[in-house]
C-alpha atoms as a PDB file:
ATOM      1  CA  MET A   1     114.598  96.762  54.455  1.00  0.00           C
ATOM      2  CA  ARG A   2     114.363 100.579  53.858  1.00  0.00           C
ATOM      3  CA  ILE A   3     111.262 100.879  56.426  1.00  0.00           C
ATOM      4  CA  ARG A   4     113.256  98.980  59.092  1.00  0.00           C
ATOM      5  CA  ARG A   5     116.140 101.610  58.828  1.00  0.00           C
ATOM      6  CA  THR A   6     113.637 104.522  59.008  1.00  0.00           C
ATOM      7  CA  VAL A   7     112.361 103.042  62.186  1.00  0.00           C
ATOM      8  CA  TRP A   8     115.590 102.525  63.679  1.00  0.00           C
ATOM      9  CA  ILE A   9     116.502 106.230  62.971  1.00  0.00           C
ATOM     10  CA  ALA A  10     113.108 107.263  64.285  1.00  0.00           C
ATOM     11  CA  LEU A  11     113.417 105.317  67.413  1.00  0.00           C
ATOM     12  CA  LEU A  12     117.370 106.218  68.129  1.00  0.00           C
ATOM     13  CA  ALA A  13     116.274 110.107  67.301  1.00  0.00           C
ATOM     14  CA  GLY A  14     113.205 109.757  69.800  1.00  0.00           C
ATOM     15  CA  LEU A  15     115.727 108.321  72.698  1.00  0.00           C
ATOM     16  CA  ALA A  16     118.138 110.995  72.015  1.00  0.00           C
ATOM     17  CA  PHE A  17     115.377 113.563  72.629  1.00  0.00           C
ATOM     18  CA  ALA A  18     114.286 111.898  75.767  1.00  0.00           C
ATOM     19  CA  GLY A  19     117.586 111.659  76.956  1.00  0.00           C
ATOM     20  CA  ILE A  20     118.429 115.476  76.332  1.00  0.00           C
ATOM     21  CA  LEU A  21     115.182 116.377  77.851  1.00  0.00           C
ATOM     22  CA  VAL A  22     115.586 114.513  81.004  1.00  0.00           C
ATOM     23  CA  ALA A  23     119.331 115.780  81.312  1.00  0.00           C
ATOM     24  CA  ARG A  24     118.283 119.192  80.829  1.00  0.00           C
ATOM     25  CA  PHE A  25     114.830 119.022  82.569  1.00  0.00           C
ATOM     26  CA  PRO A  26     114.037 122.838  83.867  1.00  0.00           C
ATOM     27  CA  ALA A  27     113.507 122.966  87.538  1.00  0.00           C
ATOM     28  CA  VAL A  28     110.950 125.538  87.053  1.00  0.00           C
ATOM     29  CA  TRP A  29     108.546 122.780  85.539  1.00  0.00           C
ATOM     30  CA  ALA A  30     109.238 120.663  88.295  1.00  0.00           C
ATOM     31  CA  ALA A  31     108.315 123.480  90.930  1.00  0.00           C
ATOM     32  CA  GLY A  32     104.536 122.848  89.930  1.00  0.00           C
ATOM     33  CA  ALA A  33     104.979 119.560  92.074  1.00  0.00           C
ATOM     34  CA  LEU A  34     105.653 121.235  95.119  1.00  0.00           C
ATOM     35  CA  PRO A  35     102.983 120.755  97.848  1.00  0.00           C
ATOM     36  CA  PRO A  36     100.775 123.819  98.407  1.00  0.00           C
ATOM     37  CA  TRP A  37     102.396 124.923 101.402  1.00  0.00           C
ATOM     38  CA  LEU A  38     105.840 125.329  99.851  1.00  0.00           C
ATOM     39  CA  SER A  39     106.563 127.845  97.462  1.00  0.00           C
ATOM     40  CA  CYS A  40     109.517 129.936  95.498  1.00  0.00           C
ATOM     41  CA  ASP A  41     109.772 133.217  94.351  1.00  0.00           C
ATOM     42  CA  ASP A  42     112.054 132.296  91.515  1.00  0.00           C
ATOM     43  CA  VAL A  43     113.414 128.972  90.296  1.00  0.00           C
ATOM     44  CA  GLU A  44     116.365 128.434  88.096  1.00  0.00           C
ATOM     45  CA  GLY A  45     118.428 125.779  86.777  1.00  0.00           C
ATOM     46  CA  THR A  46     117.750 121.850  86.242  1.00  0.00           C
ATOM     47  CA  VAL A  47     116.044 119.578  88.413  1.00  0.00           C
ATOM     48  CA  TRP A  48     119.719 117.815  88.695  1.00  0.00           C
ATOM     49  CA  ASN A  49     121.256 121.384  89.626  1.00  0.00           C
ATOM     50  CA  GLY A  50     119.235 124.365  90.487  1.00  0.00           C
ATOM     51  CA  THR A  51     118.233 127.163  93.021  1.00  0.00           C
ATOM     52  CA  CYS A  52     115.154 128.382  94.754  1.00  0.00           C
ATOM     53  CA  THR A  53     115.340 131.868  96.072  1.00  0.00           C
ATOM     54  CA  GLY A  54     112.521 133.188  98.239  1.00  0.00           C
ATOM     55  CA  LEU A  55     111.579 129.667  99.649  1.00  0.00           C
ATOM     56  CA  THR A  56     108.599 130.337 101.651  1.00  0.00           C
ATOM     57  CA  LEU A  57     106.216 128.006 103.946  1.00  0.00           C
ATOM     58  CA  ARG A  58     102.582 128.420 104.108  1.00  0.00           C
ATOM     59  CA  HIS A  59     102.887 131.718 101.919  1.00  0.00           C
ATOM     60  CA  GLN A  60     104.151 133.557 105.279  1.00  0.00           C
ATOM     61  CA  GLN A  61     107.306 132.153 107.073  1.00  0.00           C
ATOM     62  CA  ALA A  62     110.721 133.171 104.715  1.00  0.00           C
ATOM     63  CA  VAL A  63     112.799 130.315 105.058  1.00  0.00           C
ATOM     64  CA  GLY A  64     115.333 131.507 102.985  1.00  0.00           C
ATOM     65  CA  ASP A  65     117.201 130.599  99.514  1.00  0.00           C
ATOM     66  CA  LEU A  66     117.803 126.855  98.486  1.00  0.00           C
ATOM     67  CA  ALA A  67     120.425 125.517  96.163  1.00  0.00           C
ATOM     68  CA  TRP A  68     120.789 121.611  95.197  1.00  0.00           C
ATOM     69  CA  GLN A  69     122.797 119.429  93.219  1.00  0.00           C
ATOM     70  CA  LEU A  70     121.292 115.957  92.717  1.00  0.00           C
ATOM     71  CA  HIS A  71     123.734 112.853  92.606  1.00  0.00           C
ATOM     72  CA  PRO A  72     122.113 110.475  89.504  1.00  0.00           C
ATOM     73  CA  LEU A  73     124.206 107.777  89.898  1.00  0.00           C
ATOM     74  CA  ARG A  74     122.348 107.261  93.584  1.00  0.00           C
ATOM     75  CA  LEU A  75     119.396 106.578  91.546  1.00  0.00           C
ATOM     76  CA  LEU A  76     120.633 103.020  89.944  1.00  0.00           C
ATOM     77  CA  ALA A  77     120.587 102.132  93.838  1.00  0.00           C
ATOM     78  CA  ALA A  78     116.836 103.197  93.993  1.00  0.00           C
ATOM     79  CA  ARG A  79     118.193 106.368  96.184  1.00  0.00           C
ATOM     80  CA  LEU A  80     117.345 110.025  95.699  1.00  0.00           C
ATOM     81  CA  ALA A  81     120.591 111.774  96.943  1.00  0.00           C
ATOM     82  CA  ALA A  82     121.281 115.256  96.716  1.00  0.00           C
ATOM     83  CA  HIS A  83     123.844 118.113  98.543  1.00  0.00           C
ATOM     84  CA  VAL A  84     121.483 121.036  99.575  1.00  0.00           C
ATOM     85  CA  GLN A  85     122.517 124.429 100.795  1.00  0.00           C
ATOM     86  CA  LEU A  86     119.954 126.643 102.711  1.00  0.00           C
ATOM     87  CA  THR A  87     120.760 130.198 103.095  1.00  0.00           C
ATOM     88  CA  GLN A  88     119.019 133.157 105.122  1.00  0.00           C
ATOM     89  CA  GLY A  89     121.201 136.358 105.540  1.00  0.00           C
ATOM     90  CA  THR A  90     124.647 135.129 106.879  1.00  0.00           C
ATOM     91  CA  ALA A  91     123.234 131.822 108.337  1.00  0.00           C
ATOM     92  CA  PHE A  92     123.497 128.768 106.353  1.00  0.00           C
ATOM     93  CA  LEU A  93     122.784 125.153 106.281  1.00  0.00           C
ATOM     94  CA  ASN A  94     124.653 122.694 104.094  1.00  0.00           C
ATOM     95  CA  ALA A  95     123.526 119.264 104.036  1.00  0.00           C
ATOM     96  CA  ASP A  96     124.075 115.845 102.079  1.00  0.00           C
ATOM     97  CA  VAL A  97     120.782 114.092 102.097  1.00  0.00           C
ATOM     98  CA  GLU A  98     119.482 110.569 100.860  1.00  0.00           C
ATOM     99  CA  TRP A  99     116.089 109.440 100.614  1.00  0.00           C
ATOM    100  CA  GLY A 100     115.417 105.586  99.840  1.00  0.00           C
ATOM    101  CA  PRO A 101     113.345 102.526  99.990  1.00  0.00           C
ATOM    102  CA  GLY A 102     111.065 102.528 103.096  1.00  0.00           C
ATOM    103  CA  HIS A 103     110.795 106.434 102.951  1.00  0.00           C
ATOM    104  CA  ARG A 104     114.056 106.782 105.139  1.00  0.00           C
ATOM    105  CA  LEU A 105     115.737 110.034 105.013  1.00  0.00           C
ATOM    106  CA  HIS A 106     119.418 110.478 106.076  1.00  0.00           C
ATOM    107  CA  GLY A 107     121.432 113.283 106.169  1.00  0.00           C
ATOM    108  CA  ARG A 108     124.874 114.741 106.968  1.00  0.00           C
ATOM    109  CA  ARG A 109     124.665 118.742 107.802  1.00  0.00           C
ATOM    110  CA  ALA A 110     126.990 121.660 108.811  1.00  0.00           C
ATOM    111  CA  CYS A 111     125.403 124.749 109.721  1.00  0.00           C
ATOM    112  CA  THR A 112     126.586 128.385 110.702  1.00  0.00           C
ATOM    113  CA  LEU A 113     124.303 130.906 112.455  1.00  0.00           C
END
């Protein structure tokens, strides 16, 4: 009976650790999964709410600074949804984007140039 209690405590501790790791997963760790043609000078925050300063395409074309906030409850519907803001100088683009089954990307945007 004592072994069973120890196993339950270890299992709960492992689940708590995994939950904390998922909730606070650093965006800089996920930046390694970016395609080779996309790069950031600096990545901060978590994968849920973070920033990428100095976003660059093909290591040549400066895009600007990107900030995002994921909506985790949409994951329950098998969709990845986020509010993103891209800023370059005084111009900016705000968008709510959602990607779901069938690889369809939906978005609503507002921009100022």
